Protein backbone atom coordinates (compact mmCIF):
# COMPACT_ATOMS: atom_id res chain seq x y z
CA MET A 1 96.80 127.13 140.05
CA LYS A 2 99.40 124.65 141.20
CA THR A 3 99.91 122.41 144.23
CA ILE A 4 103.34 121.50 145.57
CA GLU A 5 103.91 118.99 148.36
CA PHE A 6 106.94 118.88 150.62
CA SER A 7 107.52 115.96 153.00
CA GLY A 8 109.48 117.03 156.04
CA LYS A 9 110.52 115.17 159.16
CA THR A 10 107.68 116.81 161.08
CA GLY A 11 105.01 116.21 158.46
CA ILE A 12 103.78 116.95 154.94
CA CYS A 13 103.35 120.56 153.86
CA LYS A 14 100.91 121.21 151.03
CA ILE A 15 101.54 124.47 149.16
CA LEU A 16 98.59 125.82 147.18
CA LEU A 17 99.62 128.46 144.64
CA GLY A 18 97.21 131.05 143.31
CA ARG A 19 94.23 130.04 145.46
CA SER A 20 91.69 132.38 147.04
CA PHE A 21 91.73 132.84 150.81
CA SER A 22 87.98 132.13 150.66
CA GLU A 23 88.91 128.49 149.92
CA LEU A 24 90.59 128.04 153.32
CA GLY A 25 87.52 126.24 154.67
CA ASP A 26 88.04 123.51 152.04
CA PHE A 27 91.27 122.50 153.78
CA CYS A 28 90.60 122.92 157.50
CA ALA A 29 87.69 122.88 159.95
CA VAL A 30 86.46 126.47 160.05
CA ASP A 31 85.04 126.11 163.57
CA ARG A 32 88.49 125.11 164.92
CA ALA A 33 90.55 127.67 162.98
CA VAL A 34 92.18 130.72 164.59
CA LEU A 35 93.92 133.43 162.58
CA VAL A 36 97.05 135.26 163.73
CA VAL A 37 97.01 138.37 161.55
CA ASP A 38 99.39 141.24 160.90
CA GLU A 39 97.72 144.50 161.93
CA ASN A 40 98.27 146.09 158.49
CA VAL A 41 96.86 143.05 156.71
CA PHE A 42 93.78 143.13 158.92
CA ARG A 43 93.22 146.80 158.11
CA HIS A 44 93.40 146.23 154.35
CA HIS A 45 91.68 142.83 154.16
CA GLU A 46 89.27 142.62 157.10
CA LYS A 47 86.39 141.47 154.87
CA LYS A 48 88.41 138.51 153.58
CA LEU A 49 89.07 137.36 157.12
CA ALA A 50 85.47 137.56 158.35
CA GLY A 51 84.09 134.49 160.09
CA TYR A 52 87.26 133.51 161.96
CA PRO A 53 88.48 134.48 165.44
CA VAL A 54 91.47 136.77 164.96
CA ILE A 55 94.57 137.47 167.03
CA ILE A 56 96.15 140.69 165.76
CA VAL A 57 99.92 141.17 166.02
CA GLU A 58 101.74 144.44 165.46
CA PRO A 59 104.11 144.59 162.47
CA GLY A 60 107.86 145.18 162.63
CA GLU A 61 110.99 143.38 163.81
CA LYS A 62 110.71 144.89 167.29
CA ASN A 63 107.49 142.90 167.77
CA LYS A 64 109.03 139.62 166.65
CA CYS A 65 109.84 138.72 170.24
CA LEU A 66 108.88 136.51 173.16
CA ALA A 67 106.56 139.19 174.56
CA THR A 68 104.40 138.94 171.43
CA VAL A 69 104.39 135.14 171.69
CA ASP A 70 103.27 135.44 175.32
CA ARG A 71 100.30 137.59 174.27
CA ILE A 72 99.39 134.99 171.63
CA TYR A 73 99.50 132.23 174.26
CA GLU A 74 97.09 134.25 176.39
CA ARG A 75 94.65 134.57 173.47
CA PHE A 76 95.02 130.83 172.75
CA LEU A 77 93.80 130.20 176.29
CA ASP A 78 90.92 132.67 175.88
CA LEU A 79 89.87 130.94 172.64
CA ASN A 80 90.24 127.39 174.04
CA VAL A 81 92.85 126.51 171.42
CA ASP A 82 93.99 122.89 171.69
CA ARG A 83 95.49 120.16 169.54
CA SER A 84 92.29 119.88 167.52
CA SER A 85 92.64 123.52 166.46
CA MET A 86 94.36 124.95 163.39
CA VAL A 87 96.28 128.20 163.80
CA ILE A 88 96.80 130.14 160.55
CA GLY A 89 99.36 132.91 160.28
CA VAL A 90 98.14 135.59 157.85
CA GLY A 91 100.80 138.12 157.03
CA GLY A 92 104.41 138.49 156.03
CA GLY A 93 107.47 136.61 157.17
CA ILE A 94 107.42 138.05 160.69
CA THR A 95 103.83 136.92 161.24
CA CYS A 96 104.59 133.48 159.81
CA ASP A 97 107.67 133.07 162.01
CA ILE A 98 105.83 134.17 165.16
CA THR A 99 102.77 132.03 164.41
CA GLY A 100 104.83 128.93 163.64
CA PHE A 101 106.84 129.34 166.83
CA ALA A 102 103.80 129.98 169.03
CA ALA A 103 101.91 127.00 167.58
CA SER A 104 104.96 124.71 167.74
CA THR A 105 105.50 125.41 171.44
CA PHE A 106 101.92 125.74 172.77
CA MET A 107 100.82 122.40 174.28
CA ARG A 108 104.09 121.03 172.87
CA GLY A 109 102.80 121.60 169.38
CA ILE A 110 99.46 122.23 167.68
CA PRO A 111 98.65 122.21 163.93
CA PHE A 112 99.36 125.41 162.03
CA ALA A 113 99.27 126.80 158.50
CA PHE A 114 100.21 129.99 156.68
CA ALA A 115 98.50 132.38 154.31
CA PRO A 116 101.49 134.54 153.31
CA THR A 117 100.60 138.04 152.17
CA THR A 118 104.02 139.30 150.99
CA LEU A 119 106.20 138.09 148.15
CA LEU A 120 109.05 137.48 150.58
CA ALA A 121 106.89 135.28 152.78
CA LEU A 122 105.60 133.41 149.71
CA VAL A 123 109.08 132.30 148.67
CA ASP A 124 110.81 132.17 152.03
CA ALA A 125 109.33 132.31 155.54
CA SER A 126 106.16 130.32 154.82
CA VAL A 127 108.07 127.31 153.47
CA GLY A 128 110.85 125.26 155.01
CA GLY A 129 109.80 124.80 158.62
CA LYS A 130 111.97 127.42 160.37
CA ASN A 131 109.99 129.32 163.00
CA GLY A 132 111.33 131.74 165.56
CA VAL A 133 111.67 135.13 167.19
CA ASN A 134 114.43 137.63 167.81
CA TYR A 135 116.11 137.87 171.18
CA HIS A 136 118.04 140.86 172.56
CA GLY A 137 118.41 142.30 169.07
CA TYR A 138 119.67 139.13 167.38
CA LYS A 139 117.55 137.69 164.58
CA ASN A 140 115.83 134.34 165.00
CA LEU A 141 117.94 133.37 168.00
CA VAL A 142 115.05 131.43 169.60
CA GLY A 143 113.08 129.04 167.40
CA THR A 144 112.05 125.62 166.18
CA PHE A 145 112.08 123.46 163.07
CA ASN A 146 108.48 122.43 162.37
CA GLN A 147 106.58 122.27 159.08
CA PRO A 148 103.21 123.96 158.53
CA GLY A 149 100.55 121.58 157.31
CA LEU A 150 99.32 124.01 154.66
CA VAL A 151 100.48 127.13 152.83
CA LEU A 152 97.69 128.88 150.92
CA THR A 153 98.90 131.63 148.58
CA ASP A 154 96.37 134.22 147.45
CA PHE A 155 98.24 136.58 145.10
CA SER A 156 95.59 139.28 145.52
CA PHE A 157 97.16 140.12 148.89
CA LEU A 158 100.19 141.43 146.99
CA GLY A 159 98.14 144.24 145.45
CA THR A 160 98.09 146.29 148.66
CA LEU A 161 101.85 146.05 149.28
CA PRO A 162 104.10 149.09 148.91
CA HIS A 163 106.86 148.71 146.34
CA GLU A 164 109.47 148.80 149.10
CA GLU A 165 107.97 145.61 150.55
CA LEU A 166 107.83 143.90 147.16
CA LYS A 167 111.56 144.52 146.75
CA ASN A 168 112.22 142.25 149.73
CA GLY A 169 110.61 139.38 147.82
CA PHE A 170 112.38 140.18 144.56
CA ALA A 171 115.74 139.93 146.36
CA GLU A 172 114.83 136.48 147.70
CA VAL A 173 113.73 135.25 144.26
CA VAL A 174 117.04 136.39 142.77
CA LYS A 175 118.83 134.60 145.60
CA HIS A 176 117.11 131.31 144.83
CA ALA A 177 117.97 131.66 141.15
CA LEU A 178 121.64 132.33 141.96
CA ILE A 179 122.09 129.37 144.28
CA GLY A 180 120.09 126.75 142.41
CA ASN A 181 118.44 127.67 139.11
CA GLY A 182 120.44 129.36 136.36
CA PRO A 183 117.52 129.25 133.87
CA LEU A 184 115.35 131.10 136.41
CA PHE A 185 117.99 133.84 136.55
CA ASP A 186 117.93 134.05 132.73
CA HIS A 187 114.13 134.26 132.85
CA LEU A 188 114.23 137.05 135.42
CA GLU A 189 116.61 139.00 133.19
CA GLU A 190 114.04 138.77 130.38
CA GLU A 191 110.83 139.21 132.39
CA TRP A 192 111.70 141.50 135.31
CA ARG A 193 109.37 144.22 134.03
CA ALA A 194 106.35 141.85 133.98
CA VAL A 195 107.31 140.48 137.39
CA THR A 196 107.58 143.94 138.95
CA SER A 197 104.19 144.88 137.47
CA LEU A 198 102.66 141.93 139.40
CA ASP A 199 101.41 140.02 136.39
CA TYR A 200 99.86 137.12 138.35
CA GLY A 201 100.77 134.57 135.70
CA LYS A 202 104.43 135.60 135.82
CA ILE A 203 104.37 135.82 139.61
CA GLU A 204 103.02 132.27 139.92
CA GLU A 205 105.64 130.98 137.48
CA VAL A 206 108.50 132.72 139.27
CA VAL A 207 107.26 131.75 142.74
CA SER A 208 106.88 128.12 141.67
CA HIS A 209 110.46 127.90 140.36
CA SER A 210 111.80 129.81 143.35
CA LEU A 211 110.05 127.47 145.79
CA ALA A 212 111.40 124.46 143.91
CA VAL A 213 114.94 125.64 144.73
CA LYS A 214 114.19 126.10 148.41
CA ILE A 215 112.26 122.84 148.75
CA GLY A 216 115.01 120.94 146.96
CA ILE A 217 117.61 122.23 149.40
CA VAL A 218 115.47 121.86 152.54
CA SER A 219 114.53 118.29 151.62
CA LEU A 220 118.25 117.41 151.75
CA ASP A 221 118.93 119.20 155.03
CA GLU A 222 115.83 120.15 156.97
CA THR A 223 117.59 121.25 160.18
CA GLU A 224 120.44 123.26 158.62
CA LYS A 225 123.45 121.03 159.23
CA GLY A 226 125.03 121.57 155.83
CA GLU A 227 123.25 121.94 152.48
CA ARG A 228 120.55 124.24 153.84
CA ARG A 229 123.22 126.80 154.65
CA LYS A 230 123.16 127.66 150.95
CA LEU A 231 119.89 129.49 151.64
CA ASN A 232 121.99 131.97 153.63
CA PHE A 233 123.52 133.30 150.41
CA GLY A 234 123.73 137.07 150.81
CA HIS A 235 122.22 136.84 154.30
CA THR A 236 125.39 136.66 156.39
CA VAL A 237 126.45 140.13 155.32
CA GLY A 238 122.81 141.10 154.74
CA HIS A 239 121.73 140.49 158.34
CA ALA A 240 124.70 142.51 159.58
CA ILE A 241 123.80 145.38 157.23
CA GLU A 242 120.15 145.22 158.31
CA LYS A 243 121.15 145.38 161.97
CA ALA A 244 123.66 148.21 161.55
CA THR A 245 121.81 150.43 159.04
CA GLY A 246 118.34 151.51 158.04
CA TYR A 247 118.27 149.14 155.06
CA SER A 248 115.24 146.89 154.58
CA HIS A 249 115.75 143.12 154.52
CA GLY A 250 115.71 142.96 150.72
CA GLU A 251 118.05 145.92 150.32
CA ALA A 252 120.49 144.45 152.84
CA VAL A 253 120.43 141.00 151.23
CA SER A 254 120.92 142.58 147.80
CA VAL A 255 124.16 144.21 148.93
CA GLY A 256 125.06 140.99 150.75
CA MET A 257 124.66 139.02 147.51
CA VAL A 258 126.91 141.45 145.67
CA ALA A 259 129.49 141.09 148.44
CA ALA A 260 129.31 137.29 148.13
CA ALA A 261 129.55 137.50 144.34
CA LYS A 262 132.62 139.73 144.55
CA LEU A 263 134.24 137.43 147.09
CA SER A 264 133.50 134.53 144.72
CA GLU A 265 135.16 136.52 141.95
CA LEU A 266 138.24 137.14 144.11
CA LYS A 267 138.47 133.41 144.79
CA GLY A 268 138.24 132.66 141.07
CA THR A 269 134.93 130.77 141.10
CA LEU A 270 132.77 133.43 139.43
CA GLY A 271 133.51 135.49 136.35
CA THR A 272 133.41 139.27 136.21
CA ASP A 273 130.68 139.16 133.55
CA ASP A 274 128.45 137.17 135.90
CA VAL A 275 129.09 139.62 138.75
CA ASN A 276 128.01 142.41 136.40
CA ARG A 277 124.87 140.48 135.40
CA ILE A 278 123.95 140.02 139.06
CA GLU A 279 124.35 143.71 139.81
CA ARG A 280 122.40 144.69 136.71
CA LEU A 281 119.43 142.45 137.56
CA LEU A 282 119.32 143.68 141.15
CA ARG A 283 119.30 147.27 139.93
CA GLY A 284 116.42 146.34 137.60
CA PHE A 285 114.44 145.42 140.70
CA HIS A 286 115.45 148.79 142.21
CA LEU A 287 117.70 147.12 144.76
CA PRO A 288 121.01 148.60 145.94
CA THR A 289 124.37 147.09 145.07
CA ARG A 290 126.60 149.38 147.11
CA LEU A 291 126.81 150.26 150.78
CA PRO A 292 127.23 153.95 151.66
CA GLU A 293 127.56 153.55 155.43
CA ASP A 294 130.70 152.98 157.48
CA LYS A 295 131.64 149.30 157.42
CA GLU A 296 132.81 149.06 161.04
CA ALA A 297 129.31 148.70 162.51
CA ILE A 298 128.63 145.95 159.97
CA ILE A 299 131.86 144.13 160.85
CA GLU A 300 130.88 144.33 164.53
CA ALA A 301 127.49 142.79 163.74
CA LEU A 302 129.18 140.07 161.68
CA SER A 303 131.44 139.22 164.61
CA ARG A 304 128.32 138.29 166.60
CA ASP A 305 126.76 136.14 163.86
CA LYS A 306 125.48 132.86 165.28
CA LYS A 307 127.13 130.98 162.38
CA ARG A 308 130.59 132.23 163.35
CA GLU A 309 133.16 129.75 164.66
CA GLY A 310 136.20 131.51 166.08
CA ASP A 311 137.62 133.87 163.46
CA ASP A 312 135.86 131.99 160.65
CA ILE A 313 132.32 131.93 159.39
CA HIS A 314 130.44 129.54 157.13
CA PHE A 315 129.88 131.56 153.98
CA VAL A 316 127.98 130.84 150.78
CA LEU A 317 129.86 131.54 147.53
CA LEU A 318 128.96 131.01 143.88
CA GLU A 319 130.64 128.63 141.43
CA GLY A 320 128.60 130.17 138.63
CA ILE A 321 125.07 131.49 138.30
CA GLY A 322 122.83 128.74 139.64
CA ARG A 323 125.55 126.88 141.59
CA ALA A 324 126.46 127.60 145.21
CA THR A 325 129.08 126.23 147.57
CA ILE A 326 129.80 126.68 151.28
CA GLU A 327 133.24 127.60 152.56
CA ARG A 328 134.75 128.78 155.80
CA ILE A 329 136.17 132.25 155.33
CA THR A 330 137.69 134.76 157.72
CA ILE A 331 136.16 137.97 158.96
CA ALA A 332 139.26 139.67 157.54
CA GLU A 333 138.35 138.50 154.03
CA LEU A 334 134.84 139.92 154.45
CA ARG A 335 136.26 143.20 155.68
CA GLU A 336 138.22 143.60 152.44
CA VAL A 337 135.13 143.01 150.30
CA LEU A 338 133.01 145.40 152.35
CA ARG A 339 135.66 148.09 151.96
CA ASP A 340 135.10 147.90 148.19
CA LEU A 341 131.32 148.23 148.62
CA CYS A 342 131.42 151.31 150.86
């Protein structure tokens, strides 16, 4: 078990790795705690959550919206939630994002924490302070920057996840290795079988190193003015793929990372051998590296990306495995790379 602390502009976030959810009462007042819980998580883990008032939210991107937040506000009023309360989001990234946004905006901000139940949420949504919802089909268009006070990670939640959901987390771990930790990438190449089998010791090790990359970047740029954009590696193309196809988040980001690697190769900053290593590791995690669908819908989605400025877009490239850089590139350049991936 390990504890990591991150000091953000909005407060200190304490991350507890490998702890039991039953220990939650050691870190907050049980009589003032309210859980916002993913419906699937509640169905599988209702006994773990006993003793707390629960607000259940439906899973899926379509429910990551202002209407869901409005229903949470209504339940906050019913439960007399105020600034002495602690709201805990229990679920995956969608639940964490919704909970953080609802808590950050109710009464102009009340304390909140996360108990992430997916690998993706463990290494991404639960840490870093970005909270938000989708709006009119565009991801995370409405949101806040606000740190949770606590992130409690109970790895036993991972045991009820389908493999398809685990792949979303594996893609994010690979991303962190590629942008900021070459030795972690080497380790994943050696240990991917143990990681995919959910060996808790290996999971804790990998999650710890993955979080170190994200925390290191966020601590330099909490509100995404520059350095934090590196965390978008693979996501610019990935979000467009996710919007235009039936790919999951992890599958879309996997193809997006390959696109970024190939663009890096074209620009001469990444060797062909490293591109091949990236593709090979992603395939080891059963993630796609090619895009079968027509690229035009993806290009259309890219043209509406909130990071676009005119005909250019801020794009994360690699200068080697473990080293990322941000450049402005044209949509035309992306179109050429996507043609190769279709």
